[in-house]
């Protein structure tokens, strides 16, 4: 039943959300023999950028500057992970926490703003 719900949500929302790009990282060499994240793989997707309710954020220890970015799972070819970057609505965001809803239709990402584009 949840698989059908994912397909229904994807069909209903595809094309109506904001275009986004998930940049997935891999570990590479920083030129000094140290491992460092290299953001070399972009994945187009759709999503929304919002903010957390002030009371919820305060009680949960979420920073005031954090964004809540929801990515439509059916438009994304990979599963996002911590430290991946998202470009949406002209801004760059670094994923600090991530979860998926029970129907696996939306990735819910807690993100901090970053100025560093891949």
PDB file of N, CA and C in Angstrom:
ATOM      1  N   UNK A   1       0.813  -1.184   0.000  1.00  0.00           N
ATOM      2  CA  UNK A   1       0.000   0.000   0.000  1.00  0.00           C
ATOM      3  C   UNK A   1       0.869   1.267   0.000  1.00  0.00           C
ATOM      4  N   UNK A   2       1.957   1.277   0.780  1.00  0.00           N
ATOM      5  CA  UNK A   2       2.817   2.457   0.820  1.00  0.00           C
ATOM      6  C   UNK A   2       3.527   2.680  -0.511  1.00  0.00           C
ATOM      7  N   UNK A   3       3.831   1.596  -1.248  1.00  0.00           N
ATOM      8  CA  UNK A   3       4.450   1.754  -2.565  1.00  0.00           C
ATOM      9  C   UNK A   3       3.512   2.483  -3.519  1.00  0.00           C
ATOM     10  N   UNK A   4       2.224   2.161  -3.427  1.00  0.00           N
ATOM     11  CA  UNK A   4       1.235   2.843  -4.260  1.00  0.00           C
ATOM     12  C   UNK A   4       1.138   4.310  -3.874  1.00  0.00           C
ATOM     13  N   UNK A   5       1.226   4.599  -2.583  1.00  0.00           N
ATOM     14  CA  UNK A   5       1.161   5.979  -2.115  1.00  0.00           C
ATOM     15  C   UNK A   5       2.343   6.781  -2.645  1.00  0.00           C
ATOM     16  N   UNK A   6       3.528   6.186  -2.649  1.00  0.00           N
ATOM     17  CA  UNK A   6       4.709   6.872  -3.183  1.00  0.00           C
ATOM     18  C   UNK A   6       4.497   7.227  -4.649  1.00  0.00           C
ATOM     19  N   UNK A   7       3.977   6.282  -5.421  1.00  0.00           N
ATOM     20  CA  UNK A   7       3.733   6.533  -6.843  1.00  0.00           C
ATOM     21  C   UNK A   7       2.684   7.622  -7.036  1.00  0.00           C
ATOM     22  N   UNK A   8       1.636   7.612  -6.211  1.00  0.00           N
ATOM     23  CA  UNK A   8       0.585   8.628  -6.307  1.00  0.00           C
ATOM     24  C   UNK A   8       1.116  10.014  -5.958  1.00  0.00           C
ATOM     25  N   UNK A   9       1.909  10.114  -4.896  1.00  0.00           N
ATOM     26  CA  UNK A   9       2.485  11.402  -4.485  1.00  0.00           C
ATOM     27  C   UNK A   9       3.429  11.914  -5.567  1.00  0.00           C
ATOM     28  N   UNK A  10       4.257  11.040  -6.100  1.00  0.00           N
ATOM     29  CA  UNK A  10       5.190  11.442  -7.155  1.00  0.00           C
ATOM     30  C   UNK A  10       4.434  11.936  -8.383  1.00  0.00           C
ATOM     31  N   UNK A  11       3.408  11.209  -8.794  1.00  0.00           N
ATOM     32  CA  UNK A  11       2.624  11.609  -9.967  1.00  0.00           C
ATOM     33  C   UNK A  11       1.917  12.941  -9.738  1.00  0.00           C
ATOM     34  N   UNK A  12       1.407  13.147  -8.535  1.00  0.00           N
ATOM     35  CA  UNK A  12       0.661  14.372  -8.238  1.00  0.00           C
ATOM     36  C   UNK A  12       1.558  15.601  -8.137  1.00  0.00           C
ATOM     37  N   UNK A  13       2.776  15.444  -7.638  1.00  0.00           N
ATOM     38  CA  UNK A  13       3.630  16.602  -7.369  1.00  0.00           C
ATOM     39  C   UNK A  13       4.701  16.882  -8.421  1.00  0.00           C
ATOM     40  N   UNK A  14       5.022  15.915  -9.258  1.00  0.00           N
ATOM     41  CA  UNK A  14       6.064  16.132 -10.265  1.00  0.00           C
ATOM     42  C   UNK A  14       5.671  17.288 -11.178  1.00  0.00           C
ATOM     43  N   UNK A  15       6.586  18.235 -11.310  1.00  0.00           N
ATOM     44  CA  UNK A  15       6.347  19.401 -12.144  1.00  0.00           C
ATOM     45  C   UNK A  15       5.769  20.592 -11.406  1.00  0.00           C
ATOM     46  N   UNK A  16       5.349  20.394 -10.152  1.00  0.00           N
ATOM     47  CA  UNK A  16       4.749  21.503  -9.405  1.00  0.00           C
ATOM     48  C   UNK A  16       5.639  22.020  -8.276  1.00  0.00           C
ATOM     49  N   UNK A  17       6.761  21.371  -8.021  1.00  0.00           N
ATOM     50  CA  UNK A  17       7.679  21.820  -6.974  1.00  0.00           C
ATOM     51  C   UNK A  17       8.833  22.595  -7.606  1.00  0.00           C
ATOM     52  N   UNK A  18       9.733  23.087  -6.783  1.00  0.00           N
ATOM     53  CA  UNK A  18      10.878  23.866  -7.262  1.00  0.00           C
ATOM     54  C   UNK A  18      11.964  22.934  -7.808  1.00  0.00           C
ATOM     55  N   UNK A  19      12.600  23.326  -8.904  1.00  0.00           N
ATOM     56  CA  UNK A  19      13.728  22.524  -9.383  1.00  0.00           C
ATOM     57  C   UNK A  19      14.895  22.624  -8.401  1.00  0.00           C
ATOM     58  N   UNK A  20      15.575  21.529  -8.208  1.00  0.00           N
ATOM     59  CA  UNK A  20      16.709  21.481  -7.282  1.00  0.00           C
ATOM     60  C   UNK A  20      17.770  20.553  -7.860  1.00  0.00           C
ATOM     61  N   UNK A  21      18.967  20.665  -7.315  1.00  0.00           N
ATOM     62  CA  UNK A  21      20.051  19.754  -7.688  1.00  0.00           C
ATOM     63  C   UNK A  21      20.716  19.256  -6.418  1.00  0.00           C
ATOM     64  N   UNK A  22      20.779  17.955  -6.279  1.00  0.00           N
ATOM     65  CA  UNK A  22      21.507  17.333  -5.176  1.00  0.00           C
ATOM     66  C   UNK A  22      22.907  17.024  -5.690  1.00  0.00           C
ATOM     67  N   UNK A  23      23.919  17.517  -4.983  1.00  0.00           N
ATOM     68  CA  UNK A  23      25.312  17.216  -5.318  1.00  0.00           C
ATOM     69  C   UNK A  23      25.809  16.200  -4.314  1.00  0.00           C
ATOM     70  N   UNK A  24      26.051  14.983  -4.783  1.00  0.00           N
ATOM     71  CA  UNK A  24      26.530  13.937  -3.894  1.00  0.00           C
ATOM     72  C   UNK A  24      28.055  13.951  -3.884  1.00  0.00           C
ATOM     73  N   UNK A  25      28.604  13.686  -2.723  1.00  0.00           N
ATOM     74  CA  UNK A  25      30.059  13.734  -2.598  1.00  0.00           C
ATOM     75  C   UNK A  25      30.665  12.339  -2.575  1.00  0.00           C
ATOM     76  N   UNK A  26      31.926  12.307  -2.903  1.00  0.00           N
ATOM     77  CA  UNK A  26      32.745  11.116  -2.715  1.00  0.00           C
ATOM     78  C   UNK A  26      34.033  11.604  -2.071  1.00  0.00           C
ATOM     79  N   UNK A  27      34.783  10.701  -1.499  1.00  0.00           N
ATOM     80  CA  UNK A  27      36.032  11.102  -0.856  1.00  0.00           C
ATOM     81  C   UNK A  27      37.157  11.109  -1.875  1.00  0.00           C
ATOM     82  N   UNK A  28      37.878  12.208  -1.889  1.00  0.00           N
ATOM     83  CA  UNK A  28      39.015  12.346  -2.788  1.00  0.00           C
ATOM     84  C   UNK A  28      40.212  12.865  -2.020  1.00  0.00           C
ATOM     85  N   UNK A  29      41.290  13.044  -2.706  1.00  0.00           N
ATOM     86  CA  UNK A  29      42.531  13.541  -2.107  1.00  0.00           C
ATOM     87  C   UNK A  29      42.570  15.057  -2.241  1.00  0.00           C
ATOM     88  N   UNK A  30      42.904  15.747  -1.162  1.00  0.00           N
ATOM     89  CA  UNK A  30      42.953  17.212  -1.188  1.00  0.00           C
ATOM     90  C   UNK A  30      44.272  17.750  -1.743  1.00  0.00           C
ATOM     91  N   UNK A  31      45.127  16.880  -2.226  1.00  0.00           N
ATOM     92  CA  UNK A  31      46.413  17.304  -2.765  1.00  0.00           C
ATOM     93  C   UNK A  31      47.533  17.243  -1.747  1.00  0.00           C
ATOM     94  N   UNK A  32      47.163  17.004  -0.483  1.00  0.00           N
ATOM     95  CA  UNK A  32      48.156  16.911   0.595  1.00  0.00           C
ATOM     96  C   UNK A  32      48.140  15.536   1.255  1.00  0.00           C
ATOM     97  N   UNK A  33      47.451  14.579   0.616  1.00  0.00           N
ATOM     98  CA  UNK A  33      47.380  13.232   1.157  1.00  0.00           C
ATOM     99  C   UNK A  33      46.246  13.019   2.143  1.00  0.00           C
ATOM    100  N   UNK A  34      45.363  14.009   2.286  1.00  0.00           N
ATOM    101  CA  UNK A  34      44.219  13.894   3.198  1.00  0.00           C
ATOM    102  C   UNK A  34      42.948  13.630   2.405  1.00  0.00           C
ATOM    103  N   UNK A  35      42.030  12.860   3.010  1.00  0.00           N
ATOM    104  CA  UNK A  35      40.739  12.654   2.381  1.00  0.00           C
ATOM    105  C   UNK A  35      39.883  13.894   2.588  1.00  0.00           C
ATOM    106  N   UNK A  36      39.197  14.298   1.535  1.00  0.00           N
ATOM    107  CA  UNK A  36      38.306  15.454   1.595  1.00  0.00           C
ATOM    108  C   UNK A  36      37.114  15.176   0.685  1.00  0.00           C
ATOM    109  N   UNK A  37      35.928  15.704   1.032  1.00  0.00           N
ATOM    110  CA  UNK A  37      34.773  15.481   0.162  1.00  0.00           C
ATOM    111  C   UNK A  37      34.933  16.210  -1.171  1.00  0.00           C
ATOM    112  N   UNK A  38      34.592  15.512  -2.242  1.00  0.00           N
ATOM    113  CA  UNK A  38      34.611  16.077  -3.586  1.00  0.00           C
ATOM    114  C   UNK A  38      33.183  15.976  -4.120  1.00  0.00           C
ATOM    115  N   UNK A  39      32.588  17.114  -4.420  1.00  0.00           N
ATOM    116  CA  UNK A  39      31.207  17.141  -4.910  1.00  0.00           C
ATOM    117  C   UNK A  39      31.240  17.101  -6.430  1.00  0.00           C
ATOM    118  N   UNK A  40      31.153  15.891  -6.963  1.00  0.00           N
ATOM    119  CA  UNK A  40      31.349  15.721  -8.390  1.00  0.00           C
ATOM    120  C   UNK A  40      30.171  15.105  -9.126  1.00  0.00           C
ATOM    121  N   UNK A  41      29.096  14.789  -8.418  1.00  0.00           N
ATOM    122  CA  UNK A  41      27.992  14.102  -9.064  1.00  0.00           C
ATOM    123  C   UNK A  41      26.679  14.831  -8.800  1.00  0.00           C
ATOM    124  N   UNK A  42      26.146  15.563  -9.791  1.00  0.00           N
ATOM    125  CA  UNK A  42      24.872  16.261  -9.609  1.00  0.00           C
ATOM    126  C   UNK A  42      23.682  15.385 -10.014  1.00  0.00           C
ATOM    127  N   UNK A  43      22.591  15.519  -9.274  1.00  0.00           N
ATOM    128  CA  UNK A  43      21.348  14.817  -9.586  1.00  0.00           C
ATOM    129  C   UNK A  43      20.208  15.826  -9.566  1.00  0.00           C
ATOM    130  N   UNK A  44      19.526  15.978 -10.688  1.00  0.00           N
ATOM    131  CA  UNK A  44      18.375  16.876 -10.758  1.00  0.00           C
ATOM    132  C   UNK A  44      17.206  16.253 -10.001  1.00  0.00           C
ATOM    133  N   UNK A  45      16.430  17.100  -9.344  1.00  0.00           N
ATOM    134  CA  UNK A  45      15.265  16.633  -8.604  1.00  0.00           C
ATOM    135  C   UNK A  45      14.321  17.809  -8.387  1.00  0.00           C
ATOM    136  N   UNK A  46      13.259  17.581  -7.633  1.00  0.00           N
ATOM    137  CA  UNK A  46      12.314  18.634  -7.287  1.00  0.00           C
ATOM    138  C   UNK A  46      12.107  18.633  -5.787  1.00  0.00           C
ATOM    139  N   UNK A  47      11.831  19.813  -5.231  1.00  0.00           N
ATOM    140  CA  UNK A  47      11.631  19.888  -3.794  1.00  0.00           C
ATOM    141  C   UNK A  47      11.098  21.228  -3.343  1.00  0.00           C
ATOM    142  N   UNK A  48      11.079  21.405  -2.042  1.00  0.00           N
ATOM    143  CA  UNK A  48      10.625  22.629  -1.384  1.00  0.00           C
ATOM    144  C   UNK A  48      11.632  23.019  -0.328  1.00  0.00           C
ATOM    145  N   UNK A  49      11.818  24.329  -0.150  1.00  0.00           N
ATOM    146  CA  UNK A  49      12.654  24.820   0.948  1.00  0.00           C
ATOM    147  C   UNK A  49      11.761  25.604   1.888  1.00  0.00           C
ATOM    148  N   UNK A  50      11.832  25.261   3.158  1.00  0.00           N
ATOM    149  CA  UNK A  50      11.042  25.946   4.166  1.00  0.00           C
ATOM    150  C   UNK A  50      11.854  26.144   5.429  1.00  0.00           C
ATOM    151  N   UNK A  51      11.167  26.491   6.484  1.00  0.00           N
ATOM    152  CA  UNK A  51      11.839  26.682   7.769  1.00  0.00           C
ATOM    153  C   UNK A  51      11.083  25.900   8.836  1.00  0.00           C
ATOM    154  N   UNK A  52      11.711  25.763   9.973  1.00  0.00           N
ATOM    155  CA  UNK A  52      11.104  25.043  11.083  1.00  0.00           C
ATOM    156  C   UNK A  52      10.281  25.994  11.940  1.00  0.00           C
ATOM    157  N   UNK A  53       9.207  25.486  12.501  1.00  0.00           N
ATOM    158  CA  UNK A  53       8.427  26.226  13.480  1.00  0.00           C
ATOM    159  C   UNK A  53       9.351  26.591  14.638  1.00  0.00           C
ATOM    160  N   UNK A  54       9.277  27.840  15.095  1.00  0.00           N
ATOM    161  CA  UNK A  54      10.210  28.334  16.116  1.00  0.00           C
ATOM    162  C   UNK A  54      10.158  27.502  17.397  1.00  0.00           C
ATOM    163  N   UNK A  55       8.971  27.138  17.840  1.00  0.00           N
ATOM    164  CA  UNK A  55       8.857  26.357  19.075  1.00  0.00           C
ATOM    165  C   UNK A  55       9.457  24.963  18.892  1.00  0.00           C
ATOM    166  N   UNK A  56       9.123  24.317  17.777  1.00  0.00           N
ATOM    167  CA  UNK A  56       9.663  22.983  17.498  1.00  0.00           C
ATOM    168  C   UNK A  56      11.188  23.029  17.402  1.00  0.00           C
ATOM    169  N   UNK A  57      11.702  24.020  16.685  1.00  0.00           N
ATOM    170  CA  UNK A  57      13.151  24.145  16.523  1.00  0.00           C
ATOM    171  C   UNK A  57      13.831  24.366  17.864  1.00  0.00           C
ATOM    172  N   UNK A  58      13.252  25.231  18.694  1.00  0.00           N
ATOM    173  CA  UNK A  58      13.842  25.511  20.000  1.00  0.00           C
ATOM    174  C   UNK A  58      13.873  24.290  20.894  1.00  0.00           C
ATOM    175  N   UNK A  59      12.784  23.539  20.909  1.00  0.00           N
ATOM    176  CA  UNK A  59      12.712  22.344  21.753  1.00  0.00           C
ATOM    177  C   UNK A  59      13.581  21.205  21.215  1.00  0.00           C
ATOM    178  N   UNK A  60      13.822  21.203  19.909  1.00  0.00           N
ATOM    179  CA  UNK A  60      14.596  20.128  19.288  1.00  0.00           C
ATOM    180  C   UNK A  60      16.074  20.453  19.135  1.00  0.00           C
ATOM    181  N   UNK A  61      16.460  21.676  19.464  1.00  0.00           N
ATOM    182  CA  UNK A  61      17.857  22.066  19.329  1.00  0.00           C
ATOM    183  C   UNK A  61      18.285  22.337  17.897  1.00  0.00           C
ATOM    184  N   UNK A  62      17.323  22.666  17.046  1.00  0.00           N
ATOM    185  CA  UNK A  62      17.630  22.971  15.650  1.00  0.00           C
ATOM    186  C   UNK A  62      18.013  24.449  15.557  1.00  0.00           C
ATOM    187  N   UNK A  63      19.140  24.776  14.951  1.00  0.00           N
ATOM    188  CA  UNK A  63      19.550  26.182  14.836  1.00  0.00           C
ATOM    189  C   UNK A  63      18.513  27.023  14.091  1.00  0.00           C
ATOM    190  N   UNK A  64      18.390  28.294  14.469  1.00  0.00           N
ATOM    191  CA  UNK A  64      17.423  29.191  13.829  1.00  0.00           C
ATOM    192  C   UNK A  64      17.690  29.362  12.341  1.00  0.00           C
ATOM    193  N   UNK A  65      18.928  29.221  11.934  1.00  0.00           N
ATOM    194  CA  UNK A  65      19.291  29.426  10.531  1.00  0.00           C
ATOM    195  C   UNK A  65      19.101  28.179   9.673  1.00  0.00           C
ATOM    196  N   UNK A  66      18.713  27.065  10.279  1.00  0.00           N
ATOM    197  CA  UNK A  66      18.548  25.815   9.531  1.00  0.00           C
ATOM    198  C   UNK A  66      17.331  25.895   8.615  1.00  0.00           C
ATOM    199  N   UNK A  67      17.433  25.240   7.485  1.00  0.00           N
ATOM    200  CA  UNK A  67      16.318  25.143   6.549  1.00  0.00           C
ATOM    201  C   UNK A  67      15.812  23.708   6.532  1.00  0.00           C
ATOM    202  N   UNK A  68      14.518  23.579   6.270  1.00  0.00           N
ATOM    203  CA  UNK A  68      13.920  22.259   6.078  1.00  0.00           C
ATOM    204  C   UNK A  68      13.687  22.118   4.577  1.00  0.00           C
ATOM    205  N   UNK A  69      14.422  21.222   3.959  1.00  0.00           N
ATOM    206  CA  UNK A  69      14.282  21.003   2.524  1.00  0.00           C
ATOM    207  C   UNK A  69      13.700  19.616   2.317  1.00  0.00           C
ATOM    208  N   UNK A  70      12.589  19.579   1.592  1.00  0.00           N
ATOM    209  CA  UNK A  70      11.918  18.319   1.299  1.00  0.00           C
ATOM    210  C   UNK A  70      12.112  18.017  -0.180  1.00  0.00           C
ATOM    211  N   UNK A  71      12.686  16.858  -0.469  1.00  0.00           N
ATOM    212  CA  UNK A  71      12.940  16.443  -1.846  1.00  0.00           C
ATOM    213  C   UNK A  71      11.994  15.308  -2.215  1.00  0.00           C
ATOM    214  N   UNK A  72      11.368  15.414  -3.372  1.00  0.00           N
ATOM    215  CA  UNK A  72      10.458  14.390  -3.861  1.00  0.00           C
ATOM    216  C   UNK A  72      11.278  13.174  -4.284  1.00  0.00           C
ATOM    217  N   UNK A  73      11.138  12.088  -3.550  1.00  0.00           N
ATOM    218  CA  UNK A  73      11.984  10.905  -3.756  1.00  0.00           C
ATOM    219  C   UNK A  73      11.852  10.323  -5.157  1.00  0.00           C
ATOM    220  N   UNK A  74      10.669  10.392  -5.731  1.00  0.00           N
ATOM    221  CA  UNK A  74      10.459   9.838  -7.064  1.00  0.00           C
ATOM    222  C   UNK A  74      11.183  10.584  -8.169  1.00  0.00           C
ATOM    223  N   UNK A  75      11.685  11.794  -7.878  1.00  0.00           N
ATOM    224  CA  UNK A  75      12.419  12.568  -8.889  1.00  0.00           C
ATOM    225  C   UNK A  75      13.927  12.475  -8.694  1.00  0.00           C
ATOM    226  N   UNK A  76      14.346  11.713  -7.709  1.00  0.00           N
ATOM    227  CA  UNK A  76      15.762  11.641  -7.358  1.00  0.00           C
ATOM    228  C   UNK A  76      16.290  10.234  -7.610  1.00  0.00           C
ATOM    229  N   UNK A  77      17.392  10.129  -8.339  1.00  0.00           N
ATOM    230  CA  UNK A  77      17.946   8.827  -8.723  1.00  0.00           C
ATOM    231  C   UNK A  77      18.737   8.148  -7.610  1.00  0.00           C
ATOM    232  N   UNK A  78      19.093   8.886  -6.551  1.00  0.00           N
ATOM    233  CA  UNK A  78      19.902   8.339  -5.461  1.00  0.00           C
ATOM    234  C   UNK A  78      19.298   8.750  -4.125  1.00  0.00           C
ATOM    235  N   UNK A  79      19.756   8.102  -3.075  1.00  0.00           N
ATOM    236  CA  UNK A  79      19.346   8.485  -1.724  1.00  0.00           C
ATOM    237  C   UNK A  79      20.309   9.546  -1.199  1.00  0.00           C
ATOM    238  N   UNK A  80      19.801  10.696  -0.763  1.00  0.00           N
ATOM    239  CA  UNK A  80      20.689  11.716  -0.194  1.00  0.00           C
ATOM    240  C   UNK A  80      21.344  11.212   1.087  1.00  0.00           C
ATOM    241  N   UNK A  81      22.491  11.790   1.416  1.00  0.00           N
ATOM    242  CA  UNK A  81      23.175  11.423   2.652  1.00  0.00           C
ATOM    243  C   UNK A  81      23.737  12.682   3.304  1.00  0.00           C
ATOM    244  N   UNK A  82      24.112  12.545   4.575  1.00  0.00           N
ATOM    245  CA  UNK A  82      24.693  13.681   5.295  1.00  0.00           C
ATOM    246  C   UNK A  82      25.909  14.205   4.544  1.00  0.00           C
ATOM    247  N   UNK A  83      26.052  15.508   4.551  1.00  0.00           N
ATOM    248  CA  UNK A  83      27.140  16.252   3.923  1.00  0.00           C
ATOM    249  C   UNK A  83      26.992  16.419   2.415  1.00  0.00           C
ATOM    250  N   UNK A  84      25.923  15.868   1.811  1.00  0.00           N
ATOM    251  CA  UNK A  84      25.626  16.206   0.423  1.00  0.00           C
ATOM    252  C   UNK A  84      25.166  17.660   0.390  1.00  0.00           C
ATOM    253  N   UNK A  85      25.221  18.280  -0.786  1.00  0.00           N
ATOM    254  CA  UNK A  85      24.773  19.667  -0.938  1.00  0.00           C
ATOM    255  C   UNK A  85      23.550  19.725  -1.840  1.00  0.00           C
ATOM    256  N   UNK A  86      22.685  20.699  -1.548  1.00  0.00           N
ATOM    257  CA  UNK A  86      21.486  20.914  -2.343  1.00  0.00           C
ATOM    258  C   UNK A  86      21.491  22.354  -2.833  1.00  0.00           C
ATOM    259  N   UNK A  87      21.266  22.522  -4.122  1.00  0.00           N
ATOM    260  CA  UNK A  87      21.071  23.855  -4.695  1.00  0.00           C
ATOM    261  C   UNK A  87      19.581  23.995  -4.982  1.00  0.00           C
ATOM    262  N   UNK A  88      18.935  24.976  -4.344  1.00  0.00           N
ATOM    263  CA  UNK A  88      17.508  25.201  -4.547  1.00  0.00           C
ATOM    264  C   UNK A  88      17.204  26.673  -4.306  1.00  0.00           C
ATOM    265  N   UNK A  89      16.377  27.229  -5.153  1.00  0.00           N
ATOM    266  CA  UNK A  89      15.944  28.626  -5.050  1.00  0.00           C
ATOM    267  C   UNK A  89      17.115  29.595  -4.903  1.00  0.00           C
ATOM    268  N   UNK A  90      18.185  29.370  -5.641  1.00  0.00           N
ATOM    269  CA  UNK A  90      19.316  30.283  -5.647  1.00  0.00           C
ATOM    270  C   UNK A  90      20.268  30.172  -4.472  1.00  0.00           C
ATOM    271  N   UNK A  91      20.051  29.217  -3.578  1.00  0.00           N
ATOM    272  CA  UNK A  91      20.927  29.044  -2.419  1.00  0.00           C
ATOM    273  C   UNK A  91      21.571  27.673  -2.391  1.00  0.00           C
ATOM    274  N   UNK A  92      22.633  27.566  -1.611  1.00  0.00           N
ATOM    275  CA  UNK A  92      23.348  26.301  -1.423  1.00  0.00           C
ATOM    276  C   UNK A  92      23.184  25.858   0.019  1.00  0.00           C
ATOM    277  N   UNK A  93      22.866  24.586   0.209  1.00  0.00           N
ATOM    278  CA  UNK A  93      22.591  24.045   1.538  1.00  0.00           C
ATOM    279  C   UNK A  93      23.351  22.744   1.737  1.00  0.00           C
ATOM    280  N   UNK A  94      23.853  22.537   2.939  1.00  0.00           N
ATOM    281  CA  UNK A  94      24.580  21.329   3.322  1.00  0.00           C
ATOM    282  C   UNK A  94      23.666  20.485   4.206  1.00  0.00           C
ATOM    283  N   UNK A  95      23.469  19.229   3.863  1.00  0.00           N
ATOM    284  CA  UNK A  95      22.585  18.355   4.644  1.00  0.00           C
ATOM    285  C   UNK A  95      23.278  17.972   5.948  1.00  0.00           C
ATOM    286  N   UNK A  96      22.614  18.271   7.075  1.00  0.00           N
ATOM    287  CA  UNK A  96      23.163  17.914   8.380  1.00  0.00           C
ATOM    288  C   UNK A  96      22.419  16.729   9.002  1.00  0.00           C
ATOM    289  N   UNK A  97      21.144  16.615   8.727  1.00  0.00           N
ATOM    290  CA  UNK A  97      20.334  15.483   9.199  1.00  0.00           C
ATOM    291  C   UNK A  97      19.367  15.117   8.085  1.00  0.00           C
ATOM    292  N   UNK A  98      18.984  13.849   8.029  1.00  0.00           N
ATOM    293  CA  UNK A  98      18.094  13.412   6.956  1.00  0.00           C
ATOM    294  C   UNK A  98      17.219  12.263   7.423  1.00  0.00           C
ATOM    295  N   UNK A  99      15.998  12.234   6.914  1.00  0.00           N
ATOM    296  CA  UNK A  99      15.084  11.118   7.161  1.00  0.00           C
ATOM    297  C   UNK A  99      14.134  11.034   5.976  1.00  0.00           C
ATOM    298  N   UNK A 100      13.403   9.945   5.904  1.00  0.00           N
ATOM    299  CA  UNK A 100      12.425   9.778   4.832  1.00  0.00           C
ATOM    300  C   UNK A 100      11.082   9.458   5.469  1.00  0.00           C
ATOM    301  N   UNK A 101      10.010   9.918   4.836  1.00  0.00           N
ATOM    302  CA  UNK A 101       8.684   9.667   5.402  1.00  0.00           C
ATOM    303  C   UNK A 101       8.325   8.184   5.249  1.00  0.00           C
ATOM    304  N   UNK A 102       7.327   7.695   5.999  1.00  0.00           N
ATOM    305  CA  UNK A 102       6.991   6.265   5.971  1.00  0.00           C
ATOM    306  C   UNK A 102       6.624   5.723   4.588  1.00  0.00           C
ATOM    307  N   UNK A 103       6.077   6.561   3.723  1.00  0.00           N
ATOM    308  CA  UNK A 103       5.713   6.108   2.381  1.00  0.00           C
ATOM    309  C   UNK A 103       6.894   6.179   1.413  1.00  0.00           C
ATOM    310  N   UNK A 104       8.037   6.629   1.881  1.00  0.00           N
ATOM    311  CA  UNK A 104       9.256   6.837   1.088  1.00  0.00           C
ATOM    312  C   UNK A 104       9.016   7.755  -0.112  1.00  0.00           C
ATOM    313  N   UNK A 105       8.123   8.724   0.057  1.00  0.00           N
ATOM    314  CA  UNK A 105       7.806   9.664  -1.018  1.00  0.00           C
ATOM    315  C   UNK A 105       8.621  10.945  -0.932  1.00  0.00           C
ATOM    316  N   UNK A 106       9.006  11.360   0.280  1.00  0.00           N
ATOM    317  CA  UNK A 106       9.726  12.618   0.471  1.00  0.00           C
ATOM    318  C   UNK A 106      10.936  12.414   1.372  1.00  0.00           C
ATOM    319  N   UNK A 107      12.079  12.947   0.938  1.00  0.00           N
ATOM    320  CA  UNK A 107      13.260  13.020   1.796  1.00  0.00           C
ATOM    321  C   UNK A 107      13.163  14.318   2.576  1.00  0.00           C
ATOM    322  N   UNK A 108      13.281  14.261   3.888  1.00  0.00           N
ATOM    323  CA  UNK A 108      13.215  15.435   4.751  1.00  0.00           C
ATOM    324  C   UNK A 108      14.629  15.746   5.224  1.00  0.00           C
ATOM    325  N   UNK A 109      15.159  16.863   4.782  1.00  0.00           N
ATOM    326  CA  UNK A 109      16.554  17.213   5.053  1.00  0.00           C
ATOM    327  C   UNK A 109      16.649  18.458   5.926  1.00  0.00           C
ATOM    328  N   UNK A 110      17.347  18.336   7.042  1.00  0.00           N
ATOM    329  CA  UNK A 110      17.701  19.518   7.836  1.00  0.00           C
ATOM    330  C   UNK A 110      19.026  19.999   7.272  1.00  0.00           C
ATOM    331  N   UNK A 111      19.083  21.267   6.893  1.00  0.00           N
ATOM    332  CA  UNK A 111      20.259  21.781   6.193  1.00  0.00           C
ATOM    333  C   UNK A 111      20.763  23.079   6.797  1.00  0.00           C
ATOM    334  N   UNK A 112      22.051  23.290   6.665  1.00  0.00           N
ATOM    335  CA  UNK A 112      22.646  24.575   7.033  1.00  0.00           C
ATOM    336  C   UNK A 112      23.118  25.250   5.751  1.00  0.00           C
ATOM    337  N   UNK A 113      22.985  26.571   5.722  1.00  0.00           N
ATOM    338  CA  UNK A 113      23.374  27.308   4.525  1.00  0.00           C
ATOM    339  C   UNK A 113      24.887  27.270   4.359  1.00  0.00           C
ATOM    340  N   UNK A 114      25.306  27.155   3.123  1.00  0.00           N
ATOM    341  CA  UNK A 114      26.728  27.155   2.821  1.00  0.00           C
ATOM    342  C   UNK A 114      26.961  28.029   1.595  1.00  0.00           C
ATOM    343  N   UNK A 115      28.061  28.697   1.565  1.00  0.00           N
ATOM    344  CA  UNK A 115      28.361  29.544   0.413  1.00  0.00           C
ATOM    345  C   UNK A 115      29.221  28.814  -0.604  1.00  0.00           C
ATOM    346  N   UNK A 116      29.664  27.650  -0.249  1.00  0.00           N
ATOM    347  CA  UNK A 116      30.589  26.914  -1.111  1.00  0.00           C
ATOM    348  C   UNK A 116      29.831  26.057  -2.116  1.00  0.00           C
ATOM    349  N   UNK A 117      29.858  26.451  -3.365  1.00  0.00           N
ATOM    350  CA  UNK A 117      29.279  25.635  -4.420  1.00  0.00           C
ATOM    351  C   UNK A 117      30.294  24.566  -4.812  1.00  0.00           C
ATOM    352  N   UNK A 118      29.816  23.431  -5.295  1.00  0.00           N
ATOM    353  CA  UNK A 118      30.752  22.377  -5.712  1.00  0.00           C
ATOM    354  C   UNK A 118      31.651  22.815  -6.841  1.00  0.00           C
TER     355      UNK A 118
END
